[in-house]
Amino acid sequence: MEELQSIIEELREGNYQNFPTFYDATHRKMYFIAYGLLGTKEAAEDITQEAYAKLIISLSSYQKGTNIYAFFATIVRNLAFDELRKREHSPLLYEENEQGKDDTYHDHEEIDHYLASLKPMEREIVLYHVVEEMKFREIAQLMNKSLSSILVTYHRAMKKLRKENEDEEE
């Protein structure tokens, strides 16, 4: 995390030499946030790339010492919701996801299978906590929800996922 903070400071000063390191450390997490909200590989890739451009522009509003993942996730999340509004889609339209064998991340099918059973808010919270490793307090702040609401929703989602996994094993 300290390395990313250092890179962010360099980016703020216009030094982009270590941007590839920042990209490698954050791309997968941001991609899965976008993917969880949008439901398609292509849309998630587009939004993730757009988010990097927006991040560079928004660095002046980043407060040193705050969680860079949370800051960046907010950008990805807002762009994804903007895209959904433009297309008049809902995050519930997961069944429209068309996946190819050339996916950037090979675990799409398994992830899709489990996440498809969750409500959009549950899916988003699970992605933030599991994929992005955000603390529940950070998720609550990011989503403008109470901590208790986030915890209850997360635990319900995990219960659904465990039940689905048990049902498949039978």
N, C-alpha and C. Protein backbone atom coordinates (compact mmCIF):
# COMPACT_ATOMS: atom_id res chain seq x y z
N MET A 1 0.83 -1.19 0.00
CA MET A 1 0.00 0.00 0.00
C MET A 1 0.88 1.26 0.00
N GLU A 2 1.98 1.21 0.74
CA GLU A 2 2.87 2.37 0.78
C GLU A 2 3.46 2.65 -0.60
N GLU A 3 3.76 1.58 -1.33
CA GLU A 3 4.30 1.76 -2.67
C GLU A 3 3.28 2.46 -3.57
N LEU A 4 2.01 2.08 -3.45
CA LEU A 4 0.97 2.72 -4.25
C LEU A 4 0.80 4.19 -3.86
N GLN A 5 0.88 4.47 -2.58
CA GLN A 5 0.80 5.86 -2.13
C GLN A 5 1.93 6.69 -2.75
N SER A 6 3.11 6.10 -2.79
CA SER A 6 4.27 6.78 -3.37
C SER A 6 4.06 7.03 -4.87
N ILE A 7 3.52 6.02 -5.54
CA ILE A 7 3.26 6.17 -6.99
C ILE A 7 2.21 7.24 -7.23
N ILE A 8 1.18 7.28 -6.39
CA ILE A 8 0.14 8.30 -6.53
C ILE A 8 0.74 9.69 -6.42
N GLU A 9 1.63 9.86 -5.46
CA GLU A 9 2.29 11.16 -5.31
C GLU A 9 3.10 11.52 -6.56
N GLU A 10 3.78 10.53 -7.13
CA GLU A 10 4.52 10.77 -8.37
C GLU A 10 3.58 11.16 -9.51
N LEU A 11 2.45 10.46 -9.60
CA LEU A 11 1.48 10.77 -10.65
C LEU A 11 0.93 12.18 -10.48
N ARG A 12 0.70 12.57 -9.24
CA ARG A 12 0.21 13.93 -8.98
C ARG A 12 1.21 14.98 -9.47
N GLU A 13 2.49 14.64 -9.41
CA GLU A 13 3.55 15.57 -9.84
C GLU A 13 3.83 15.47 -11.34
N GLY A 14 3.09 14.61 -12.04
CA GLY A 14 3.27 14.48 -13.48
C GLY A 14 4.30 13.44 -13.88
N ASN A 15 4.80 12.67 -12.95
CA ASN A 15 5.78 11.62 -13.26
C ASN A 15 5.02 10.30 -13.43
N TYR A 16 4.96 9.79 -14.66
CA TYR A 16 4.19 8.59 -14.97
C TYR A 16 5.06 7.36 -15.16
N GLN A 17 6.30 7.43 -14.75
CA GLN A 17 7.25 6.34 -14.93
C GLN A 17 6.77 5.04 -14.26
N ASN A 18 6.18 5.14 -13.08
CA ASN A 18 5.74 3.96 -12.34
C ASN A 18 4.26 3.63 -12.52
N PHE A 19 3.63 4.27 -13.50
CA PHE A 19 2.22 3.98 -13.74
C PHE A 19 1.97 2.51 -14.04
N PRO A 20 2.83 1.83 -14.82
CA PRO A 20 2.59 0.40 -15.07
C PRO A 20 2.53 -0.43 -13.78
N THR A 21 3.31 -0.06 -12.79
CA THR A 21 3.28 -0.77 -11.50
C THR A 21 1.93 -0.55 -10.82
N PHE A 22 1.46 0.69 -10.84
CA PHE A 22 0.16 1.00 -10.27
C PHE A 22 -0.95 0.24 -11.01
N TYR A 23 -0.87 0.23 -12.32
CA TYR A 23 -1.85 -0.46 -13.15
C TYR A 23 -1.89 -1.94 -12.81
N ASP A 24 -0.73 -2.57 -12.74
CA ASP A 24 -0.66 -4.00 -12.43
C ASP A 24 -1.24 -4.32 -11.05
N ALA A 25 -1.03 -3.43 -10.10
CA ALA A 25 -1.49 -3.65 -8.73
C ALA A 25 -2.99 -3.42 -8.57
N THR A 26 -3.61 -2.68 -9.45
CA THR A 26 -5.01 -2.30 -9.26
C THR A 26 -5.97 -2.81 -10.33
N HIS A 27 -5.46 -3.15 -11.49
CA HIS A 27 -6.33 -3.46 -12.62
C HIS A 27 -7.32 -4.58 -12.34
N ARG A 28 -6.87 -5.69 -11.83
CA ARG A 28 -7.75 -6.84 -11.62
C ARG A 28 -8.91 -6.48 -10.68
N LYS A 29 -8.62 -5.80 -9.59
CA LYS A 29 -9.66 -5.44 -8.63
C LYS A 29 -10.67 -4.49 -9.25
N MET A 30 -10.18 -3.50 -9.96
CA MET A 30 -11.10 -2.51 -10.56
C MET A 30 -11.93 -3.15 -11.67
N TYR A 31 -11.31 -4.03 -12.42
CA TYR A 31 -12.01 -4.73 -13.49
C TYR A 31 -13.18 -5.53 -12.91
N PHE A 32 -12.94 -6.26 -11.82
CA PHE A 32 -14.01 -7.08 -11.25
C PHE A 32 -15.11 -6.25 -10.62
N ILE A 33 -14.79 -5.08 -10.14
CA ILE A 33 -15.86 -4.19 -9.65
C ILE A 33 -16.75 -3.79 -10.82
N ALA A 34 -16.13 -3.36 -11.91
CA ALA A 34 -16.89 -2.97 -13.10
C ALA A 34 -17.66 -4.17 -13.66
N TYR A 35 -17.01 -5.30 -13.69
CA TYR A 35 -17.64 -6.50 -14.23
C TYR A 35 -18.85 -6.91 -13.38
N GLY A 36 -18.71 -6.82 -12.08
CA GLY A 36 -19.81 -7.17 -11.19
C GLY A 36 -21.02 -6.27 -11.37
N LEU A 37 -20.78 -5.02 -11.71
CA LEU A 37 -21.88 -4.08 -11.90
C LEU A 37 -22.46 -4.14 -13.30
N LEU A 38 -21.61 -4.33 -14.30
CA LEU A 38 -22.07 -4.25 -15.69
C LEU A 38 -22.41 -5.60 -16.30
N GLY A 39 -21.72 -6.66 -15.84
CA GLY A 39 -22.05 -8.00 -16.28
C GLY A 39 -21.49 -8.46 -17.60
N THR A 40 -20.71 -7.62 -18.29
CA THR A 40 -20.10 -8.08 -19.53
C THR A 40 -18.62 -7.72 -19.54
N LYS A 41 -17.86 -8.59 -20.16
CA LYS A 41 -16.41 -8.42 -20.24
C LYS A 41 -16.06 -7.11 -20.95
N GLU A 42 -16.70 -6.88 -22.08
CA GLU A 42 -16.37 -5.71 -22.89
C GLU A 42 -16.66 -4.40 -22.16
N ALA A 43 -17.83 -4.33 -21.54
CA ALA A 43 -18.20 -3.12 -20.80
C ALA A 43 -17.26 -2.90 -19.62
N ALA A 44 -16.91 -3.98 -18.93
CA ALA A 44 -16.01 -3.87 -17.78
C ALA A 44 -14.63 -3.39 -18.21
N GLU A 45 -14.15 -3.90 -19.33
CA GLU A 45 -12.84 -3.46 -19.83
C GLU A 45 -12.86 -1.99 -20.20
N ASP A 46 -13.92 -1.57 -20.89
CA ASP A 46 -14.05 -0.17 -21.29
C ASP A 46 -14.09 0.76 -20.08
N ILE A 47 -14.92 0.42 -19.12
CA ILE A 47 -15.07 1.27 -17.93
C ILE A 47 -13.77 1.29 -17.13
N THR A 48 -13.10 0.16 -17.02
CA THR A 48 -11.84 0.12 -16.27
C THR A 48 -10.81 1.03 -16.92
N GLN A 49 -10.71 0.98 -18.22
CA GLN A 49 -9.75 1.84 -18.91
C GLN A 49 -10.12 3.32 -18.75
N GLU A 50 -11.40 3.60 -18.88
CA GLU A 50 -11.87 4.98 -18.69
C GLU A 50 -11.57 5.46 -17.27
N ALA A 51 -11.68 4.54 -16.32
CA ALA A 51 -11.44 4.90 -14.91
C ALA A 51 -9.99 5.31 -14.68
N TYR A 52 -9.04 4.70 -15.38
CA TYR A 52 -7.64 5.11 -15.22
C TYR A 52 -7.43 6.54 -15.70
N ALA A 53 -8.06 6.87 -16.80
CA ALA A 53 -7.95 8.25 -17.31
C ALA A 53 -8.59 9.22 -16.31
N LYS A 54 -9.74 8.85 -15.81
CA LYS A 54 -10.44 9.72 -14.85
C LYS A 54 -9.65 9.83 -13.54
N LEU A 55 -8.99 8.75 -13.14
CA LEU A 55 -8.18 8.78 -11.92
C LEU A 55 -7.08 9.82 -12.05
N ILE A 56 -6.39 9.83 -13.17
CA ILE A 56 -5.30 10.79 -13.38
C ILE A 56 -5.83 12.21 -13.26
N ILE A 57 -6.98 12.45 -13.86
CA ILE A 57 -7.59 13.78 -13.81
C ILE A 57 -8.03 14.14 -12.39
N SER A 58 -8.47 13.14 -11.63
CA SER A 58 -9.03 13.37 -10.29
C SER A 58 -8.02 13.35 -9.15
N LEU A 59 -6.76 13.13 -9.45
CA LEU A 59 -5.77 13.01 -8.39
C LEU A 59 -5.66 14.24 -7.50
N SER A 60 -6.02 15.38 -8.01
CA SER A 60 -5.95 16.59 -7.19
C SER A 60 -6.94 16.53 -6.02
N SER A 61 -8.00 15.74 -6.15
CA SER A 61 -8.98 15.62 -5.07
C SER A 61 -8.68 14.45 -4.13
N TYR A 62 -7.67 13.66 -4.44
CA TYR A 62 -7.29 12.55 -3.57
C TYR A 62 -6.57 13.09 -2.34
N GLN A 63 -7.01 12.65 -1.17
CA GLN A 63 -6.40 13.08 0.08
C GLN A 63 -5.35 12.06 0.50
N LYS A 64 -4.13 12.51 0.61
CA LYS A 64 -3.02 11.65 0.98
C LYS A 64 -3.35 10.89 2.27
N GLY A 65 -3.03 9.61 2.26
CA GLY A 65 -3.26 8.79 3.44
C GLY A 65 -4.56 8.02 3.42
N THR A 66 -5.48 8.40 2.54
CA THR A 66 -6.73 7.64 2.45
C THR A 66 -6.51 6.43 1.56
N ASN A 67 -7.40 5.48 1.64
CA ASN A 67 -7.27 4.24 0.90
C ASN A 67 -7.41 4.50 -0.60
N ILE A 68 -6.33 4.28 -1.34
CA ILE A 68 -6.34 4.54 -2.78
C ILE A 68 -7.30 3.59 -3.50
N TYR A 69 -7.42 2.37 -2.99
CA TYR A 69 -8.36 1.44 -3.61
C TYR A 69 -9.80 1.95 -3.48
N ALA A 70 -10.15 2.46 -2.32
CA ALA A 70 -11.50 2.98 -2.12
C ALA A 70 -11.74 4.20 -3.01
N PHE A 71 -10.75 5.07 -3.11
CA PHE A 71 -10.86 6.25 -3.96
C PHE A 71 -11.07 5.82 -5.41
N PHE A 72 -10.26 4.89 -5.87
CA PHE A 72 -10.34 4.43 -7.25
C PHE A 72 -11.63 3.63 -7.49
N ALA A 73 -12.03 2.82 -6.52
CA ALA A 73 -13.26 2.05 -6.65
C ALA A 73 -14.48 2.96 -6.81
N THR A 74 -14.45 4.10 -6.14
CA THR A 74 -15.54 5.07 -6.27
C THR A 74 -15.63 5.56 -7.71
N ILE A 75 -14.49 5.82 -8.32
CA ILE A 75 -14.46 6.26 -9.72
C ILE A 75 -15.04 5.17 -10.62
N VAL A 76 -14.59 3.93 -10.44
CA VAL A 76 -15.06 2.81 -11.26
C VAL A 76 -16.57 2.64 -11.07
N ARG A 77 -17.00 2.65 -9.84
CA ARG A 77 -18.41 2.47 -9.52
C ARG A 77 -19.27 3.56 -10.17
N ASN A 78 -18.85 4.80 -10.05
CA ASN A 78 -19.61 5.91 -10.64
C ASN A 78 -19.67 5.80 -12.15
N LEU A 79 -18.56 5.45 -12.77
CA LEU A 79 -18.55 5.29 -14.24
C LEU A 79 -19.46 4.13 -14.66
N ALA A 80 -19.44 3.05 -13.90
CA ALA A 80 -20.29 1.90 -14.22
C ALA A 80 -21.78 2.28 -14.10
N PHE A 81 -22.13 3.00 -13.04
CA PHE A 81 -23.52 3.42 -12.90
C PHE A 81 -23.91 4.41 -13.99
N ASP A 82 -23.00 5.28 -14.38
CA ASP A 82 -23.28 6.19 -15.50
C ASP A 82 -23.56 5.39 -16.77
N GLU A 83 -22.76 4.37 -17.00
CA GLU A 83 -22.95 3.51 -18.18
C GLU A 83 -24.29 2.80 -18.12
N LEU A 84 -24.65 2.31 -16.97
CA LEU A 84 -25.95 1.63 -16.83
C LEU A 84 -27.10 2.59 -17.10
N ARG A 85 -26.97 3.81 -16.62
CA ARG A 85 -28.02 4.81 -16.88
C ARG A 85 -28.10 5.13 -18.37
N LYS A 86 -26.95 5.24 -19.02
CA LYS A 86 -26.94 5.54 -20.45
C LYS A 86 -27.64 4.43 -21.24
N ARG A 87 -27.39 3.22 -20.87
CA ARG A 87 -27.96 2.08 -21.60
C ARG A 87 -29.32 1.67 -21.07
N GLU A 88 -29.76 2.35 -20.01
CA GLU A 88 -31.02 2.02 -19.36
C GLU A 88 -31.08 0.55 -18.96
N HIS A 89 -29.94 0.07 -18.45
CA HIS A 89 -29.86 -1.31 -17.97
C HIS A 89 -29.83 -1.33 -16.46
N SER A 90 -30.07 -2.46 -15.94
CA SER A 90 -29.98 -2.69 -14.50
C SER A 90 -28.88 -3.71 -14.26
N PRO A 91 -28.19 -3.63 -13.11
CA PRO A 91 -27.19 -4.65 -12.82
C PRO A 91 -27.79 -6.05 -12.72
N LEU A 92 -29.11 -6.16 -12.68
CA LEU A 92 -29.74 -7.48 -12.62
C LEU A 92 -29.67 -8.23 -13.94
N LEU A 93 -29.31 -7.56 -15.01
CA LEU A 93 -29.32 -8.19 -16.32
C LEU A 93 -28.06 -9.02 -16.56
N TYR A 94 -27.76 -9.87 -15.64
CA TYR A 94 -26.57 -10.71 -15.74
C TYR A 94 -26.68 -11.75 -16.83
N GLU A 95 -27.89 -12.20 -17.12
CA GLU A 95 -28.05 -13.26 -18.11
C GLU A 95 -27.64 -12.81 -19.51
N GLU A 96 -27.49 -11.52 -19.73
CA GLU A 96 -27.07 -11.04 -21.04
C GLU A 96 -25.57 -11.16 -21.24
N ASN A 97 -24.87 -11.61 -20.23
CA ASN A 97 -23.42 -11.71 -20.30
C ASN A 97 -23.01 -12.76 -21.32
N GLU A 98 -22.23 -12.34 -22.30
CA GLU A 98 -21.71 -13.27 -23.28
C GLU A 98 -20.22 -13.39 -23.06
N GLN A 99 -19.79 -14.62 -22.75
CA GLN A 99 -18.38 -14.80 -22.47
C GLN A 99 -17.73 -15.64 -23.55
N GLY A 100 -16.52 -15.26 -23.86
CA GLY A 100 -15.72 -16.04 -24.79
C GLY A 100 -14.65 -16.79 -24.04
N LYS A 101 -13.99 -17.67 -24.74
CA LYS A 101 -12.92 -18.45 -24.12
C LYS A 101 -11.66 -17.63 -23.96
N ASP A 102 -11.60 -16.45 -24.57
CA ASP A 102 -10.40 -15.62 -24.50
C ASP A 102 -10.49 -14.56 -23.41
N ASP A 103 -11.28 -14.80 -22.38
CA ASP A 103 -11.44 -13.83 -21.31
C ASP A 103 -10.10 -13.47 -20.70
N THR A 104 -10.00 -12.22 -20.29
CA THR A 104 -8.80 -11.76 -19.61
C THR A 104 -8.58 -12.52 -18.33
N TYR A 105 -9.65 -12.83 -17.62
CA TYR A 105 -9.56 -13.56 -16.37
C TYR A 105 -10.32 -14.87 -16.52
N HIS A 106 -9.63 -15.96 -16.30
CA HIS A 106 -10.17 -17.28 -16.60
C HIS A 106 -11.22 -17.76 -15.61
N ASP A 107 -11.38 -17.10 -14.50
CA ASP A 107 -12.34 -17.55 -13.51
C ASP A 107 -13.71 -16.87 -13.66
N HIS A 108 -13.97 -16.26 -14.80
CA HIS A 108 -15.25 -15.59 -15.04
C HIS A 108 -16.44 -16.51 -14.85
N GLU A 109 -16.39 -17.69 -15.45
CA GLU A 109 -17.56 -18.56 -15.41
C GLU A 109 -17.94 -18.92 -13.98
N GLU A 110 -16.97 -19.28 -13.19
CA GLU A 110 -17.26 -19.64 -11.80
C GLU A 110 -17.75 -18.43 -11.02
N ILE A 111 -17.11 -17.30 -11.21
CA ILE A 111 -17.53 -16.08 -10.53
C ILE A 111 -18.95 -15.71 -10.95
N ASP A 112 -19.21 -15.72 -12.25
CA ASP A 112 -20.55 -15.41 -12.75
C ASP A 112 -21.60 -16.31 -12.15
N HIS A 113 -21.28 -17.58 -12.12
CA HIS A 113 -22.23 -18.56 -11.61
C HIS A 113 -22.68 -18.20 -10.20
N TYR A 114 -21.74 -17.87 -9.35
CA TYR A 114 -22.08 -17.56 -7.97
C TYR A 114 -22.68 -16.16 -7.81
N LEU A 115 -22.11 -15.18 -8.47
CA LEU A 115 -22.59 -13.82 -8.31
C LEU A 115 -23.98 -13.60 -8.90
N ALA A 116 -24.33 -14.40 -9.89
CA ALA A 116 -25.63 -14.24 -10.54
C ALA A 116 -26.79 -14.48 -9.58
N SER A 117 -26.54 -15.23 -8.53
CA SER A 117 -27.61 -15.52 -7.58
C SER A 117 -27.82 -14.40 -6.56
N LEU A 118 -26.94 -13.41 -6.57
CA LEU A 118 -27.02 -12.33 -5.60
C LEU A 118 -27.75 -11.12 -6.17
N LYS A 119 -28.35 -10.35 -5.28
CA LYS A 119 -28.94 -9.08 -5.67
C LYS A 119 -27.81 -8.10 -5.97
N PRO A 120 -28.06 -7.05 -6.75
CA PRO A 120 -26.98 -6.13 -7.13
C PRO A 120 -26.20 -5.57 -5.94
N MET A 121 -26.89 -5.16 -4.89
CA MET A 121 -26.18 -4.60 -3.74
C MET A 121 -25.35 -5.67 -3.04
N GLU A 122 -25.87 -6.87 -2.93
CA GLU A 122 -25.11 -7.97 -2.33
C GLU A 122 -23.86 -8.25 -3.15
N ARG A 123 -24.04 -8.31 -4.45
CA ARG A 123 -22.93 -8.60 -5.36
C ARG A 123 -21.85 -7.53 -5.22
N GLU A 124 -22.26 -6.30 -5.17
CA GLU A 124 -21.31 -5.19 -5.06
C GLU A 124 -20.52 -5.26 -3.75
N ILE A 125 -21.20 -5.53 -2.66
CA ILE A 125 -20.54 -5.61 -1.36
C ILE A 125 -19.57 -6.79 -1.33
N VAL A 126 -19.98 -7.93 -1.84
CA VAL A 126 -19.10 -9.10 -1.87
C VAL A 126 -17.86 -8.80 -2.71
N LEU A 127 -18.04 -8.17 -3.85
CA LEU A 127 -16.89 -7.84 -4.70
C LEU A 127 -15.94 -6.87 -3.99
N TYR A 128 -16.47 -5.86 -3.36
CA TYR A 128 -15.62 -4.91 -2.64
C TYR A 128 -14.84 -5.61 -1.53
N HIS A 129 -15.52 -6.47 -0.78
CA HIS A 129 -14.87 -7.08 0.38
C HIS A 129 -13.93 -8.22 -0.03
N VAL A 130 -14.38 -9.08 -0.92
CA VAL A 130 -13.60 -10.27 -1.26
C VAL A 130 -12.53 -9.96 -2.31
N VAL A 131 -12.91 -9.32 -3.38
CA VAL A 131 -11.97 -9.06 -4.46
C VAL A 131 -11.06 -7.89 -4.14
N GLU A 132 -11.66 -6.82 -3.68
CA GLU A 132 -10.88 -5.62 -3.43
C GLU A 132 -10.31 -5.55 -2.01
N GLU A 133 -10.76 -6.46 -1.16
CA GLU A 133 -10.28 -6.56 0.21
C GLU A 133 -10.51 -5.28 1.01
N MET A 134 -11.62 -4.62 0.73
CA MET A 134 -11.98 -3.42 1.47
C MET A 134 -12.59 -3.81 2.81
N LYS A 135 -12.40 -2.96 3.79
CA LYS A 135 -13.03 -3.16 5.09
C LYS A 135 -14.49 -2.75 4.99
N PHE A 136 -15.31 -3.35 5.84
CA PHE A 136 -16.74 -3.05 5.81
C PHE A 136 -17.01 -1.58 6.06
N ARG A 137 -16.23 -0.97 6.90
CA ARG A 137 -16.39 0.46 7.20
C ARG A 137 -16.16 1.28 5.92
N GLU A 138 -15.15 0.90 5.15
CA GLU A 138 -14.85 1.60 3.90
C GLU A 138 -15.98 1.40 2.88
N ILE A 139 -16.50 0.19 2.84
CA ILE A 139 -17.60 -0.11 1.91
C ILE A 139 -18.83 0.72 2.28
N ALA A 140 -19.11 0.80 3.57
CA ALA A 140 -20.26 1.59 4.03
C ALA A 140 -20.11 3.04 3.61
N GLN A 141 -18.92 3.56 3.79
CA GLN A 141 -18.67 4.96 3.40
C GLN A 141 -18.79 5.13 1.90
N LEU A 142 -18.21 4.22 1.14
CA LEU A 142 -18.25 4.29 -0.32
C LEU A 142 -19.67 4.23 -0.85
N MET A 143 -20.49 3.37 -0.25
CA MET A 143 -21.86 3.17 -0.74
C MET A 143 -22.87 4.07 -0.04
N ASN A 144 -22.39 4.88 0.89
CA ASN A 144 -23.25 5.78 1.64
C ASN A 144 -24.38 5.02 2.36
N LYS A 145 -23.98 3.94 3.02
CA LYS A 145 -24.89 3.09 3.79
C LYS A 145 -24.35 2.95 5.20
N SER A 146 -25.18 2.50 6.11
CA SER A 146 -24.72 2.28 7.48
C SER A 146 -23.87 1.01 7.53
N LEU A 147 -22.96 0.97 8.48
CA LEU A 147 -22.11 -0.20 8.66
C LEU A 147 -22.96 -1.43 8.92
N SER A 148 -23.97 -1.30 9.75
CA SER A 148 -24.81 -2.46 10.06
C SER A 148 -25.53 -2.98 8.81
N SER A 149 -25.98 -2.08 7.96
CA SER A 149 -26.64 -2.48 6.71
C SER A 149 -25.67 -3.26 5.81
N ILE A 150 -24.45 -2.80 5.73
CA ILE A 150 -23.44 -3.48 4.91
C ILE A 150 -23.15 -4.86 5.49
N LEU A 151 -22.98 -4.95 6.80
CA LEU A 151 -22.68 -6.24 7.44
C LEU A 151 -23.81 -7.24 7.24
N VAL A 152 -25.04 -6.79 7.46
CA VAL A 152 -26.18 -7.68 7.30
C VAL A 152 -26.28 -8.16 5.85
N THR A 153 -26.15 -7.25 4.91
CA THR A 153 -26.24 -7.61 3.50
C THR A 153 -25.14 -8.58 3.11
N TYR A 154 -23.93 -8.33 3.58
CA TYR A 154 -22.80 -9.22 3.28
C TYR A 154 -23.05 -10.62 3.83
N HIS A 155 -23.47 -10.70 5.07
CA HIS A 155 -23.68 -12.01 5.68
C HIS A 155 -24.82 -12.77 5.01
N ARG A 156 -25.85 -12.07 4.60
CA ARG A 156 -26.93 -12.72 3.85
C ARG A 156 -26.42 -13.24 2.50
N ALA A 157 -25.62 -12.44 1.84
CA ALA A 157 -25.07 -12.85 0.55
C ALA A 157 -24.17 -14.08 0.71
N MET A 158 -23.34 -14.08 1.73
CA MET A 158 -22.46 -15.22 1.95
C MET A 158 -23.26 -16.47 2.29
N LYS A 159 -24.34 -16.30 3.02
CA LYS A 159 -25.21 -17.43 3.35
C LYS A 159 -25.81 -18.02 2.07
N LYS A 160 -26.25 -17.14 1.16
CA LYS A 160 -26.78 -17.60 -0.13
C LYS A 160 -25.72 -18.36 -0.91
N LEU A 161 -24.51 -17.81 -0.94
CA LEU A 161 -23.43 -18.45 -1.69
C LEU A 161 -23.06 -19.81 -1.10
N ARG A 162 -23.01 -19.90 0.23
CA ARG A 162 -22.71 -21.19 0.87
C ARG A 162 -23.80 -22.21 0.56
N LYS A 163 -25.05 -21.77 0.64
CA LYS A 163 -26.17 -22.68 0.36
C LYS A 163 -26.10 -23.17 -1.09
N GLU A 164 -25.84 -22.27 -2.01
CA GLU A 164 -25.75 -22.66 -3.41
C GLU A 164 -24.61 -23.64 -3.62
N ASN A 165 -23.50 -23.41 -2.98
CA ASN A 165 -22.35 -24.30 -3.09
C ASN A 165 -22.68 -25.69 -2.51
N GLU A 166 -23.36 -25.70 -1.36
CA GLU A 166 -23.76 -26.98 -0.75
C GLU A 166 -24.73 -27.74 -1.65
N ASP A 167 -25.69 -27.02 -2.24
CA ASP A 167 -26.66 -27.65 -3.13
C ASP A 167 -25.98 -28.28 -4.34
N GLU A 168 -24.94 -27.65 -4.84
CA GLU A 168 -24.23 -28.19 -5.99
C GLU A 168 -23.41 -29.41 -5.64
N GLU A 169 -22.91 -29.46 -4.42
CA GLU A 169 -22.08 -30.58 -4.00
C GLU A 169 -22.90 -31.84 -3.75
N GLU A 170 -24.20 -31.70 -3.56
CA GLU A 170 -25.05 -32.86 -3.29
C GLU A 170 -25.31 -33.68 -4.51
